[in-house]
PDB file of N, CA and C in Angstrom:
ATOM      1  N   MET A   1     100.225  98.702  66.625  1.00  0.00           N
ATOM      2  CA  MET A   1      98.846  98.313  66.478  1.00  0.00           C
ATOM      3  C   MET A   1      97.979  98.972  67.539  1.00  0.00           C
ATOM      4  N   LEU A   2      98.416  98.899  68.807  1.00  0.00           N
ATOM      5  CA  LEU A   2      97.643  99.517  69.880  1.00  0.00           C
ATOM      6  C   LEU A   2      97.591 101.032  69.713  1.00  0.00           C
ATOM      7  N   GLY A   3      98.689 101.606  69.225  1.00  0.00           N
ATOM      8  CA  GLY A   3      98.728 103.046  68.982  1.00  0.00           C
ATOM      9  C   GLY A   3      97.722 103.469  67.918  1.00  0.00           C
ATOM     10  N   ASP A   4      97.560 102.645  66.884  1.00  0.00           N
ATOM     11  CA  ASP A   4      96.596 102.953  65.830  1.00  0.00           C
ATOM     12  C   ASP A   4      95.170 102.874  66.352  1.00  0.00           C
ATOM     13  N   ILE A   5      94.905 101.890  67.193  1.00  0.00           N
ATOM     14  CA  ILE A   5      93.562 101.752  67.779  1.00  0.00           C
ATOM     15  C   ILE A   5      93.260 102.959  68.655  1.00  0.00           C
ATOM     16  N   TRP A   6      94.253 103.369  69.464  1.00  0.00           N
ATOM     17  CA  TRP A   6      94.047 104.507  70.357  1.00  0.00           C
ATOM     18  C   TRP A   6      93.813 105.788  69.556  1.00  0.00           C
ATOM     19  N   LYS A   7      94.587 105.999  68.485  1.00  0.00           N
ATOM     20  CA  LYS A   7      94.413 107.205  67.663  1.00  0.00           C
ATOM     21  C   LYS A   7      93.034 107.235  67.023  1.00  0.00           C
ATOM     22  N   SER A   8      92.571 106.108  66.533  1.00  0.00           N
ATOM     23  CA  SER A   8      91.241 106.083  65.923  1.00  0.00           C
ATOM     24  C   SER A   8      90.159 106.311  66.968  1.00  0.00           C
ATOM     25  N   TYR A   9      90.362 105.800  68.170  1.00  0.00           N
ATOM     26  CA  TYR A   9      89.424 105.992  69.265  1.00  0.00           C
ATOM     27  C   TYR A   9      89.346 107.467  69.649  1.00  0.00           C
ATOM     28  N   VAL A  10      90.503 108.129  69.763  1.00  0.00           N
ATOM     29  CA  VAL A  10      90.539 109.549  70.101  1.00  0.00           C
ATOM     30  C   VAL A  10      89.904 110.366  68.987  1.00  0.00           C
ATOM     31  N   GLN A  11      90.224 110.048  67.731  1.00  0.00           N
ATOM     32  CA  GLN A  11      89.635 110.791  66.614  1.00  0.00           C
ATOM     33  C   GLN A  11      88.119 110.631  66.552  1.00  0.00           C
ATOM     34  N   ARG A  12      87.643 109.439  66.843  1.00  0.00           N
ATOM     35  CA  ARG A  12      86.197 109.209  66.865  1.00  0.00           C
ATOM     36  C   ARG A  12      85.544 110.057  67.946  1.00  0.00           C
ATOM     37  N   TYR A  13      86.172 110.152  69.124  1.00  0.00           N
ATOM     38  CA  TYR A  13      85.607 110.967  70.195  1.00  0.00           C
ATOM     39  C   TYR A  13      85.699 112.452  69.861  1.00  0.00           C
ATOM     40  N   VAL A  14      86.773 112.876  69.200  1.00  0.00           N
ATOM     41  CA  VAL A  14      86.908 114.279  68.804  1.00  0.00           C
ATOM     42  C   VAL A  14      85.761 114.669  67.874  1.00  0.00           C
ATOM     43  N   ARG A  15      85.424 113.789  66.947  1.00  0.00           N
ATOM     44  CA  ARG A  15      84.278 114.065  66.064  1.00  0.00           C
ATOM     45  C   ARG A  15      82.974 114.009  66.839  1.00  0.00           C
ATOM     46  N   TYR A  16      82.827 113.039  67.728  1.00  0.00           N
ATOM     47  CA  TYR A  16      81.596 112.879  68.507  1.00  0.00           C
ATOM     48  C   TYR A  16      81.336 114.087  69.409  1.00  0.00           C
ATOM     49  N   SER A  17      82.389 114.586  70.038  1.00  0.00           N
ATOM     50  CA  SER A  17      82.236 115.677  70.995  1.00  0.00           C
ATOM     51  C   SER A  17      82.202 117.048  70.334  1.00  0.00           C
ATOM     52  N   ARG A  18      82.303 117.069  69.024  1.00  0.00           N
ATOM     53  CA  ARG A  18      82.308 118.314  68.251  1.00  0.00           C
ATOM     54  C   ARG A  18      83.538 119.179  68.536  1.00  0.00           C
ATOM     55  N   PHE A  19      84.562 118.563  69.058  1.00  0.00           N
ATOM     56  CA  PHE A  19      85.802 119.288  69.318  1.00  0.00           C
ATOM     57  C   PHE A  19      86.437 119.736  68.009  1.00  0.00           C
ATOM     58  N   SER A  20      86.274 118.948  66.959  1.00  0.00           N
ATOM     59  CA  SER A  20      86.885 119.275  65.669  1.00  0.00           C
ATOM     60  C   SER A  20      86.211 120.469  65.007  1.00  0.00           C
ATOM     61  N   GLU A  21      85.040 120.883  65.493  1.00  0.00           N
ATOM     62  CA  GLU A  21      84.337 122.026  64.920  1.00  0.00           C
ATOM     63  C   GLU A  21      84.815 123.359  65.488  1.00  0.00           C
ATOM     64  N   ARG A  22      85.747 123.310  66.424  1.00  0.00           N
ATOM     65  CA  ARG A  22      86.257 124.548  67.017  1.00  0.00           C
ATOM     66  C   ARG A  22      86.950 125.389  65.961  1.00  0.00           C
ATOM     67  N   GLU A  23      86.801 126.696  66.101  1.00  0.00           N
ATOM     68  CA  GLU A  23      87.460 127.600  65.157  1.00  0.00           C
ATOM     69  C   GLU A  23      88.951 127.695  65.460  1.00  0.00           C
ATOM     70  N   GLU A  24      89.295 127.650  66.728  1.00  0.00           N
ATOM     71  CA  GLU A  24      90.686 127.774  67.138  1.00  0.00           C
ATOM     72  C   GLU A  24      91.364 126.411  67.047  1.00  0.00           C
ATOM     73  N   LYS A  25      92.350 126.277  66.183  1.00  0.00           N
ATOM     74  CA  LYS A  25      93.022 124.993  65.964  1.00  0.00           C
ATOM     75  C   LYS A  25      94.463 124.988  66.447  1.00  0.00           C
ATOM     76  N   GLU A  26      94.887 126.013  67.149  1.00  0.00           N
ATOM     77  CA  GLU A  26      96.245 126.033  67.685  1.00  0.00           C
ATOM     78  C   GLU A  26      96.260 126.891  68.932  1.00  0.00           C
ATOM     79  N   GLY A  27      97.350 126.870  69.608  1.00  0.00           N
ATOM     80  CA  GLY A  27      97.489 127.624  70.838  1.00  0.00           C
ATOM     81  C   GLY A  27      97.316 126.732  72.050  1.00  0.00           C
ATOM     82  N   LEU A  28      97.631 127.294  73.186  1.00  0.00           N
ATOM     83  CA  LEU A  28      97.603 126.544  74.425  1.00  0.00           C
ATOM     84  C   LEU A  28      96.212 126.016  74.796  1.00  0.00           C
ATOM     85  N   PRO A  29      95.141 126.816  74.702  1.00  0.00           N
ATOM     86  CA  PRO A  29      93.819 126.272  75.063  1.00  0.00           C
ATOM     87  C   PRO A  29      93.409 125.074  74.205  1.00  0.00           C
ATOM     88  N   TYR A  30      93.747 125.106  72.926  1.00  0.00           N
ATOM     89  CA  TYR A  30      93.415 123.988  72.032  1.00  0.00           C
ATOM     90  C   TYR A  30      94.142 122.715  72.460  1.00  0.00           C
ATOM     91  N   PHE A  31      95.442 122.819  72.706  1.00  0.00           N
ATOM     92  CA  PHE A  31      96.220 121.641  73.078  1.00  0.00           C
ATOM     93  C   PHE A  31      95.883 121.159  74.493  1.00  0.00           C
ATOM     94  N   ARG A  32      95.502 122.091  75.359  1.00  0.00           N
ATOM     95  CA  ARG A  32      95.082 121.712  76.703  1.00  0.00           C
ATOM     96  C   ARG A  32      93.792 120.895  76.637  1.00  0.00           C
ATOM     97  N   ASP A  33      92.847 121.315  75.798  1.00  0.00           N
ATOM     98  CA  ASP A  33      91.604 120.563  75.635  1.00  0.00           C
ATOM     99  C   ASP A  33      91.842 119.220  74.951  1.00  0.00           C
ATOM    100  N   LYS A  34      92.775 119.192  74.016  1.00  0.00           N
ATOM    101  CA  LYS A  34      93.104 117.926  73.358  1.00  0.00           C
ATOM    102  C   LYS A  34      93.751 116.955  74.342  1.00  0.00           C
ATOM    103  N   LEU A  35      94.604 117.462  75.215  1.00  0.00           N
ATOM    104  CA  LEU A  35      95.194 116.625  76.265  1.00  0.00           C
ATOM    105  C   LEU A  35      94.119 116.125  77.220  1.00  0.00           C
ATOM    106  N   PHE A  36      93.157 116.989  77.553  1.00  0.00           N
ATOM    107  CA  PHE A  36      92.065 116.571  78.431  1.00  0.00           C
ATOM    108  C   PHE A  36      91.258 115.440  77.800  1.00  0.00           C
ATOM    109  N   ILE A  37      91.036 115.497  76.497  1.00  0.00           N
ATOM    110  CA  ILE A  37      90.315 114.417  75.816  1.00  0.00           C
ATOM    111  C   ILE A  37      91.060 113.099  75.985  1.00  0.00           C
ATOM    112  N   SER A  38      92.372 113.121  75.814  1.00  0.00           N
ATOM    113  CA  SER A  38      93.160 111.893  75.980  1.00  0.00           C
ATOM    114  C   SER A  38      93.083 111.380  77.409  1.00  0.00           C
ATOM    115  N   ILE A  39      93.196 112.268  78.389  1.00  0.00           N
ATOM    116  CA  ILE A  39      93.118 111.863  79.794  1.00  0.00           C
ATOM    117  C   ILE A  39      91.729 111.322  80.111  1.00  0.00           C
ATOM    118  N   LEU A  40      90.704 111.987  79.622  1.00  0.00           N
ATOM    119  CA  LEU A  40      89.332 111.556  79.867  1.00  0.00           C
ATOM    120  C   LEU A  40      89.073 110.168  79.292  1.00  0.00           C
ATOM    121  N   LEU A  41      89.503 109.946  78.069  1.00  0.00           N
ATOM    122  CA  LEU A  41      89.270 108.644  77.440  1.00  0.00           C
ATOM    123  C   LEU A  41      90.101 107.543  78.076  1.00  0.00           C
ATOM    124  N   LEU A  42      91.337 107.848  78.413  1.00  0.00           N
ATOM    125  CA  LEU A  42      92.175 106.848  79.078  1.00  0.00           C
ATOM    126  C   LEU A  42      91.598 106.485  80.445  1.00  0.00           C
ATOM    127  N   THR A  43      91.142 107.479  81.175  1.00  0.00           N
ATOM    128  CA  THR A  43      90.508 107.228  82.473  1.00  0.00           C
ATOM    129  C   THR A  43      89.230 106.424  82.303  1.00  0.00           C
ATOM    130  N   PHE A  44      88.488 106.722  81.257  1.00  0.00           N
ATOM    131  CA  PHE A  44      87.243 105.990  80.997  1.00  0.00           C
ATOM    132  C   PHE A  44      87.525 104.507  80.735  1.00  0.00           C
ATOM    133  N   VAL A  45      88.465 104.230  79.856  1.00  0.00           N
ATOM    134  CA  VAL A  45      88.780 102.839  79.507  1.00  0.00           C
ATOM    135  C   VAL A  45      89.343 102.088  80.718  1.00  0.00           C
ATOM    136  N   LEU A  46      90.340 102.661  81.368  1.00  0.00           N
ATOM    137  CA  LEU A  46      90.951 101.988  82.514  1.00  0.00           C
ATOM    138  C   LEU A  46      90.001 101.935  83.705  1.00  0.00           C
ATOM    139  N   GLY A  47      89.164 102.951  83.849  1.00  0.00           N
ATOM    140  CA  GLY A  47      88.185 102.960  84.941  1.00  0.00           C
ATOM    141  C   GLY A  47      87.167 101.847  84.815  1.00  0.00           C
ATOM    142  N   LEU A  48      86.742 101.574  83.584  1.00  0.00           N
ATOM    143  CA  LEU A  48      85.793 100.479  83.385  1.00  0.00           C
ATOM    144  C   LEU A  48      86.440  99.125  83.682  1.00  0.00           C
ATOM    145  N   PHE A  49      87.713  98.978  83.320  1.00  0.00           N
ATOM    146  CA  PHE A  49      88.414  97.724  83.616  1.00  0.00           C
ATOM    147  C   PHE A  49      88.616  97.530  85.124  1.00  0.00           C
ATOM    148  N   SER A  50      88.874  98.598  85.831  1.00  0.00           N
ATOM    149  CA  SER A  50      89.149  98.467  87.269  1.00  0.00           C
ATOM    150  C   SER A  50      87.892  98.498  88.125  1.00  0.00           C
ATOM    151  N   TYR A  51      86.762  98.852  87.548  1.00  0.00           N
ATOM    152  CA  TYR A  51      85.523  98.974  88.322  1.00  0.00           C
ATOM    153  C   TYR A  51      85.087  97.648  88.938  1.00  0.00           C
ATOM    154  N   VAL A  52      85.048  96.592  88.151  1.00  0.00           N
ATOM    155  CA  VAL A  52      84.543  95.304  88.633  1.00  0.00           C
ATOM    156  C   VAL A  52      85.411  94.740  89.759  1.00  0.00           C
ATOM    157  N   PRO A  53      86.730  94.616  89.600  1.00  0.00           N
ATOM    158  CA  PRO A  53      87.521  94.070  90.706  1.00  0.00           C
ATOM    159  C   PRO A  53      87.495  94.950  91.948  1.00  0.00           C
ATOM    160  N   SER A  54      87.515  96.255  91.751  1.00  0.00           N
ATOM    161  CA  SER A  54      87.502  97.164  92.893  1.00  0.00           C
ATOM    162  C   SER A  54      86.205  97.048  93.681  1.00  0.00           C
ATOM    163  N   THR A  55      85.095  96.990  92.977  1.00  0.00           N
ATOM    164  CA  THR A  55      83.798  96.866  93.641  1.00  0.00           C
ATOM    165  C   THR A  55      83.658  95.500  94.295  1.00  0.00           C
ATOM    166  N   TYR A  56      84.145  94.467  93.637  1.00  0.00           N
ATOM    167  CA  TYR A  56      84.091  93.121  94.205  1.00  0.00           C
ATOM    168  C   TYR A  56      84.871  93.046  95.525  1.00  0.00           C
ATOM    169  N   VAL A  57      86.060  93.599  95.535  1.00  0.00           N
ATOM    170  CA  VAL A  57      86.881  93.565  96.747  1.00  0.00           C
ATOM    171  C   VAL A  57      86.227  94.384  97.857  1.00  0.00           C
ATOM    172  N   ALA A  58      85.646  95.518  97.526  1.00  0.00           N
ATOM    173  CA  ALA A  58      84.986  96.342  98.539  1.00  0.00           C
ATOM    174  C   ALA A  58      83.820  95.593  99.180  1.00  0.00           C
ATOM    175  N   ILE A  59      83.061  94.864  98.384  1.00  0.00           N
ATOM    176  CA  ILE A  59      81.921  94.103  98.915  1.00  0.00           C
ATOM    177  C   ILE A  59      82.415  92.870  99.669  1.00  0.00           C
ATOM    178  N   ALA A  60      83.424  92.180  99.136  1.00  0.00           N
ATOM    179  CA  ALA A  60      83.931  90.952  99.755  1.00  0.00           C
ATOM    180  C   ALA A  60      84.566  91.215 101.114  1.00  0.00           C
ATOM    181  N   ARG A  61      85.184  92.358 101.278  1.00  0.00           N
ATOM    182  CA  ARG A  61      85.812  92.682 102.562  1.00  0.00           C
ATOM    183  C   ARG A  61      84.776  92.933 103.645  1.00  0.00           C
ATOM    184  N   GLY A  62      83.570  93.285 103.254  1.00  0.00           N
ATOM    185  CA  GLY A  62      82.504  93.521 104.224  1.00  0.00           C
ATOM    186  C   GLY A  62      82.676  94.842 104.952  1.00  0.00           C
ATOM    187  N   GLY A  63      81.577  95.510 105.190  1.00  0.00           N
ATOM    188  CA  GLY A  63      81.622  96.768 105.914  1.00  0.00           C
ATOM    189  C   GLY A  63      82.108  97.946 105.094  1.00  0.00           C
ATOM    190  N   GLU A  64      82.412  97.733 103.841  1.00  0.00           N
ATOM    191  CA  GLU A  64      82.894  98.830 102.997  1.00  0.00           C
ATOM    192  C   GLU A  64      81.983  99.002 101.789  1.00  0.00           C
ATOM    193  N   ASP A  65      80.691  98.910 102.054  1.00  0.00           N
ATOM    194  CA  ASP A  65      79.720  99.081 100.976  1.00  0.00           C
ATOM    195  C   ASP A  65      79.737 100.499 100.427  1.00  0.00           C
ATOM    196  N   ILE A  66      80.161 101.460 101.242  1.00  0.00           N
ATOM    197  CA  ILE A  66      80.251 102.840 100.775  1.00  0.00           C
ATOM    198  C   ILE A  66      81.234 102.955  99.606  1.00  0.00           C
ATOM    199  N   ILE A  67      82.288 102.147  99.635  1.00  0.00           N
ATOM    200  CA  ILE A  67      83.271 102.156  98.542  1.00  0.00           C
ATOM    201  C   ILE A  67      82.633 101.619  97.264  1.00  0.00           C
ATOM    202  N   ALA A  68      81.840 100.559  97.379  1.00  0.00           N
ATOM    203  CA  ALA A  68      81.167  99.997  96.206  1.00  0.00           C
ATOM    204  C   ALA A  68      80.171 100.996  95.630  1.00  0.00           C
ATOM    205  N   VAL A  69      79.433 101.670  96.493  1.00  0.00           N
ATOM    206  CA  VAL A  69      78.474 102.678  96.031  1.00  0.00           C
ATOM    207  C   VAL A  69      79.215 103.838  95.390  1.00  0.00           C
ATOM    208  N   LEU A  70      80.287 104.280  96.017  1.00  0.00           N
ATOM    209  CA  LEU A  70      81.069 105.392  95.478  1.00  0.00           C
ATOM    210  C   LEU A  70      81.723 105.028  94.145  1.00  0.00           C
ATOM    211  N   ASN A  71      82.230 103.808  94.023  1.00  0.00           N
ATOM    212  CA  ASN A  71      82.785 103.357  92.740  1.00  0.00           C
ATOM    213  C   ASN A  71      81.728 103.421  91.647  1.00  0.00           C
ATOM    214  N   THR A  72      80.530 102.944  91.970  1.00  0.00           N
ATOM    215  CA  THR A  72      79.445 102.951  90.992  1.00  0.00           C
ATOM    216  C   THR A  72      79.073 104.378  90.597  1.00  0.00           C
ATOM    217  N   CYS A  73      78.943 105.254  91.581  1.00  0.00           N
ATOM    218  CA  CYS A  73      78.610 106.659  91.274  1.00  0.00           C
ATOM    219  C   CYS A  73      79.705 107.319  90.446  1.00  0.00           C
ATOM    220  N   THR A  74      80.956 107.036  90.780  1.00  0.00           N
ATOM    221  CA  THR A  74      82.075 107.620  90.041  1.00  0.00           C
ATOM    222  C   THR A  74      82.075 107.165  88.590  1.00  0.00           C
ATOM    223  N   VAL A  75      81.841 105.895  88.359  1.00  0.00           N
ATOM    224  CA  VAL A  75      81.815 105.375  86.988  1.00  0.00           C
ATOM    225  C   VAL A  75      80.620 105.956  86.229  1.00  0.00           C
ATOM    226  N   LEU A  76      79.481 106.089  86.885  1.00  0.00           N
ATOM    227  CA  LEU A  76      78.311 106.666  86.214  1.00  0.00           C
ATOM    228  C   LEU A  76      78.548 108.130  85.845  1.00  0.00           C
ATOM    229  N   VAL A  77      79.164 108.882  86.739  1.00  0.00           N
ATOM    230  CA  VAL A  77      79.483 110.283  86.431  1.00  0.00           C
ATOM    231  C   VAL A  77      80.513 110.355  85.308  1.00  0.00           C
ATOM    232  N   LEU A  78      81.468 109.448  85.311  1.00  0.00           N
ATOM    233  CA  LEU A  78      82.470 109.406  84.245  1.00  0.00           C
ATOM    234  C   LEU A  78      81.820 109.083  82.898  1.00  0.00           C
ATOM    235  N   ILE A  79      80.906 108.128  82.874  1.00  0.00           N
ATOM    236  CA  ILE A  79      80.183 107.795  81.641  1.00  0.00           C
ATOM    237  C   ILE A  79      79.381 109.001  81.161  1.00  0.00           C
ATOM    238  N   PHE A  80      78.709 109.679  82.093  1.00  0.00           N
ATOM    239  CA  PHE A  80      77.945 110.879  81.750  1.00  0.00           C
ATOM    240  C   PHE A  80      78.870 111.944  81.167  1.00  0.00           C
ATOM    241  N   THR A  81      80.015 112.145  81.803  1.00  0.00           N
ATOM    242  CA  THR A  81      80.962 113.161  81.336  1.00  0.00           C
ATOM    243  C   THR A  81      81.478 112.845  79.940  1.00  0.00           C
ATOM    244  N   VAL A  82      81.729 111.591  79.656  1.00  0.00           N
ATOM    245  CA  VAL A  82      82.276 111.211  78.360  1.00  0.00           C
ATOM    246  C   VAL A  82      81.226 111.319  77.261  1.00  0.00           C
ATOM    247  N   PHE A  83      80.009 110.869  77.522  1.00  0.00           N
ATOM    248  CA  PHE A  83      79.040 110.718  76.438  1.00  0.00           C
ATOM    249  C   PHE A  83      77.991 111.814  76.322  1.00  0.00           C
ATOM    250  N   TYR A  84      77.864 112.708  77.279  1.00  0.00           N
ATOM    251  CA  TYR A  84      76.848 113.759  77.170  1.00  0.00           C
ATOM    252  C   TYR A  84      77.399 114.927  76.375  1.00  0.00           C
ATOM    253  N   ARG A  85      76.840 115.148  75.221  1.00  0.00           N
ATOM    254  CA  ARG A  85      77.346 116.194  74.319  1.00  0.00           C
ATOM    255  C   ARG A  85      77.026 117.602  74.792  1.00  0.00           C
ATOM    256  N   GLY A  86      76.013 117.756  75.613  1.00  0.00           N
ATOM    257  CA  GLY A  86      75.572 119.080  76.034  1.00  0.00           C
ATOM    258  C   GLY A  86      76.533 119.797  76.963  1.00  0.00           C
ATOM    259  N   LEU A  87      77.470 119.084  77.544  1.00  0.00           N
ATOM    260  CA  LEU A  87      78.438 119.707  78.444  1.00  0.00           C
ATOM    261  C   LEU A  87      79.567 120.367  77.663  1.00  0.00           C
ATOM    262  N   SER A  88      79.927 121.557  78.087  1.00  0.00           N
ATOM    263  CA  SER A  88      81.087 122.210  77.477  1.00  0.00           C
ATOM    264  C   SER A  88      82.353 121.530  77.997  1.00  0.00           C
ATOM    265  N   PHE A  89      83.470 121.809  77.352  1.00  0.00           N
ATOM    266  CA  PHE A  89      84.723 121.222  77.820  1.00  0.00           C
ATOM    267  C   PHE A  89      85.068 121.743  79.206  1.00  0.00           C
ATOM    268  N   TYR A  90      84.743 122.985  79.481  1.00  0.00           N
ATOM    269  CA  TYR A  90      84.989 123.542  80.809  1.00  0.00           C
ATOM    270  C   TYR A  90      84.186 122.780  81.862  1.00  0.00           C
ATOM    271  N   ALA A  91      82.910 122.538  81.586  1.00  0.00           N
ATOM    272  CA  ALA A  91      82.062 121.795  82.527  1.00  0.00           C
ATOM    273  C   ALA A  91      82.553 120.350  82.687  1.00  0.00           C
ATOM    274  N   LYS A  92      83.004 119.751  81.592  1.00  0.00           N
ATOM    275  CA  LYS A  92      83.541 118.388  81.686  1.00  0.00           C
ATOM    276  C   LYS A  92      84.792 118.348  82.562  1.00  0.00           C
ATOM    277  N   LYS A  93      85.642 119.343  82.432  1.00  0.00           N
ATOM    278  CA  LYS A  93      86.859 119.392  83.244  1.00  0.00           C
ATOM    279  C   LYS A  93      86.520 119.538  84.722  1.00  0.00           C
ATOM    280  N   ILE A  94      85.576 120.418  85.023  1.00  0.00           N
ATOM    281  CA  ILE A  94      85.180 120.633  86.414  1.00  0.00           C
ATOM    282  C   ILE A  94      84.542 119.371  86.984  1.00  0.00           C
ATOM    283  N   LEU A  95      83.619 118.772  86.246  1.00  0.00           N
ATOM    284  CA  LEU A  95      82.939 117.560  86.707  1.00  0.00           C
ATOM    285  C   LEU A  95      83.922 116.409  86.898  1.00  0.00           C
ATOM    286  N   PHE A  96      84.849 116.261  85.973  1.00  0.00           N
ATOM    287  CA  PHE A  96      85.881 115.227  86.059  1.00  0.00           C
ATOM    288  C   PHE A  96      86.725 115.410  87.320  1.00  0.00           C
ATOM    289  N   SER A  97      87.161 116.628  87.565  1.00  0.00           N
ATOM    290  CA  SER A  97      88.017 116.910  88.726  1.00  0.00           C
ATOM    291  C   SER A  97      87.270 116.697  90.038  1.00  0.00           C
ATOM    292  N   ILE A  98      86.050 117.200  90.127  1.00  0.00           N
ATOM    293  CA  ILE A  98      85.262 117.041  91.348  1.00  0.00           C
ATOM    294  C   ILE A  98      84.962 115.570  91.604  1.00  0.00           C
ATOM    295  N   ASN A  99      84.641 114.846  90.556  1.00  0.00           N
ATOM    296  CA  ASN A  99      84.323 113.420  90.667  1.00  0.00           C
ATOM    297  C   ASN A  99      85.475 112.653  91.335  1.00  0.00           C
ATOM    298  N   PHE A 100      86.676 112.831  90.836  1.00  0.00           N
ATOM    299  CA  PHE A 100      87.803 112.076  91.382  1.00  0.00           C
ATOM    300  C   PHE A 100      88.330 112.666  92.684  1.00  0.00           C
ATOM    301  N   PHE A 101      88.087 113.940  92.919  1.00  0.00           N
ATOM    302  CA  PHE A 101      88.445 114.530  94.205  1.00  0.00           C
ATOM    303  C   PHE A 101      87.585 113.918  95.312  1.00  0.00           C
ATOM    304  N   ILE A 102      86.284 113.826  95.074  1.00  0.00           N
ATOM    305  CA  ILE A 102      85.384 113.212  96.057  1.00  0.00           C
ATOM    306  C   ILE A 102      85.737 111.746  96.262  1.00  0.00           C
ATOM    307  N   LEU A 103      86.015 111.029  95.173  1.00  0.00           N
ATOM    308  CA  LEU A 103      86.406 109.619  95.285  1.00  0.00           C
ATOM    309  C   LEU A 103      87.644 109.468  96.165  1.00  0.00           C
ATOM    310  N   SER A 104      88.645 110.271  95.925  1.00  0.00           N
ATOM    311  CA  SER A 104      89.892 110.133  96.687  1.00  0.00           C
ATOM    312  C   SER A 104      89.704 110.502  98.152  1.00  0.00           C
ATOM    313  N   ILE A 105      88.938 111.539  98.441  1.00  0.00           N
ATOM    314  CA  ILE A 105      88.725 111.942  99.832  1.00  0.00           C
ATOM    315  C   ILE A 105      87.962 110.858 100.592  1.00  0.00           C
ATOM    316  N   VAL A 106      86.878 110.349 100.003  1.00  0.00           N
ATOM    317  CA  VAL A 106      86.083 109.327 100.684  1.00  0.00           C
ATOM    318  C   VAL A 106      86.888 108.043 100.859  1.00  0.00           C
ATOM    319  N   MET A 107      87.646 107.651  99.859  1.00  0.00           N
ATOM    320  CA  MET A 107      88.460 106.436 100.003  1.00  0.00           C
ATOM    321  C   MET A 107      89.516 106.615 101.085  1.00  0.00           C
ATOM    322  N   PHE A 108      90.088 107.794 101.179  1.00  0.00           N
ATOM    323  CA  PHE A 108      91.076 108.042 102.220  1.00  0.00           C
ATOM    324  C   PHE A 108      90.433 107.998 103.598  1.00  0.00           C
ATOM    325  N   VAL A 109      89.240 108.577 103.734  1.00  0.00           N
ATOM    326  CA  VAL A 109      88.560 108.587 105.024  1.00  0.00           C
ATOM    327  C   VAL A 109      88.147 107.167 105.428  1.00  0.00           C
ATOM    328  N   VAL A 110      87.600 106.400 104.483  1.00  0.00           N
ATOM    329  CA  VAL A 110      87.119 105.051 104.799  1.00  0.00           C
ATOM    330  C   VAL A 110      88.274 104.075 104.989  1.00  0.00           C
ATOM    331  N   LEU A 111      89.232 104.106 104.075  1.00  0.00           N
ATOM    332  CA  LEU A 111      90.328 103.129 104.124  1.00  0.00           C
ATOM    333  C   LEU A 111      91.520 103.601 104.935  1.00  0.00           C
ATOM    334  N   GLY A 112      91.684 104.895 105.069  1.00  0.00           N
ATOM    335  CA  GLY A 112      92.836 105.434 105.783  1.00  0.00           C
ATOM    336  C   GLY A 112      94.122 105.108 105.048  1.00  0.00           C
ATOM    337  N   PHE A 113      95.170 104.901 105.798  1.00  0.00           N
ATOM    338  CA  PHE A 113      96.454 104.558 105.192  1.00  0.00           C
ATOM    339  C   PHE A 113      96.540 103.079 104.859  1.00  0.00           C
ATOM    340  N   GLU A 114      95.527 102.336 105.240  1.00  0.00           N
ATOM    341  CA  GLU A 114      95.508 100.885 105.059  1.00  0.00           C
ATOM    342  C   GLU A 114      95.471 100.479 103.596  1.00  0.00           C
ATOM    343  N   GLY A 115      94.567 101.070 102.817  1.00  0.00           N
ATOM    344  CA  GLY A 115      94.412 100.697 101.411  1.00  0.00           C
ATOM    345  C   GLY A 115      93.904  99.277 101.285  1.00  0.00           C
ATOM    346  N   GLY A 116      94.327  98.590 100.271  1.00  0.00           N
ATOM    347  CA  GLY A 116      93.879  97.224 100.045  1.00  0.00           C
ATOM    348  C   GLY A 116      94.747  96.184 100.722  1.00  0.00           C
ATOM    349  N   MET A 117      95.810  96.593 101.364  1.00  0.00           N
ATOM    350  CA  MET A 117      96.750  95.633 101.953  1.00  0.00           C
ATOM    351  C   MET A 117      96.276  95.088 103.291  1.00  0.00           C
ATOM    352  N   GLY A 118      95.269  95.691 103.893  1.00  0.00           N
ATOM    353  CA  GLY A 118      94.810  95.244 105.197  1.00  0.00           C
ATOM    354  C   GLY A 118      94.140  93.882 105.151  1.00  0.00           C
ATOM    355  N   ALA A 119      93.670  93.466 103.981  1.00  0.00           N
ATOM    356  CA  ALA A 119      92.971  92.188 103.856  1.00  0.00           C
ATOM    357  C   ALA A 119      93.939  91.016 103.784  1.00  0.00           C
ATOM    358  N   CYS A 120      95.201  91.303 103.544  1.00  0.00           N
ATOM    359  CA  CYS A 120      96.184  90.219 103.400  1.00  0.00           C
ATOM    360  C   CYS A 120      96.545  89.595 104.718  1.00  0.00           C
TER     361      CYS A 120
END
């Protein structure tokens, strides 16, 4: 059941993003872009679920408002990447990678090796 929902979700996005209009329907670049669509959508769904608790914990711990702001910016960039049709797949890949690279670097600098376990 969950597999059917996911397949319909991916197919809907493939039509929305005009990926299905590509002339090239086989080969490595085609499958690489199709894999990117799956990663992008999975990150989008799971990112939205994890946004609220992550932001709540960052604010509740105090002094880590930068994490809450960064979480919000990351989710907004992710939403833009998923839903803006004007971006090419190449631009979406670059934006996606830069977005999470910045998130990981800032979280490492702010939290260090501590992570979320320091509050316990």
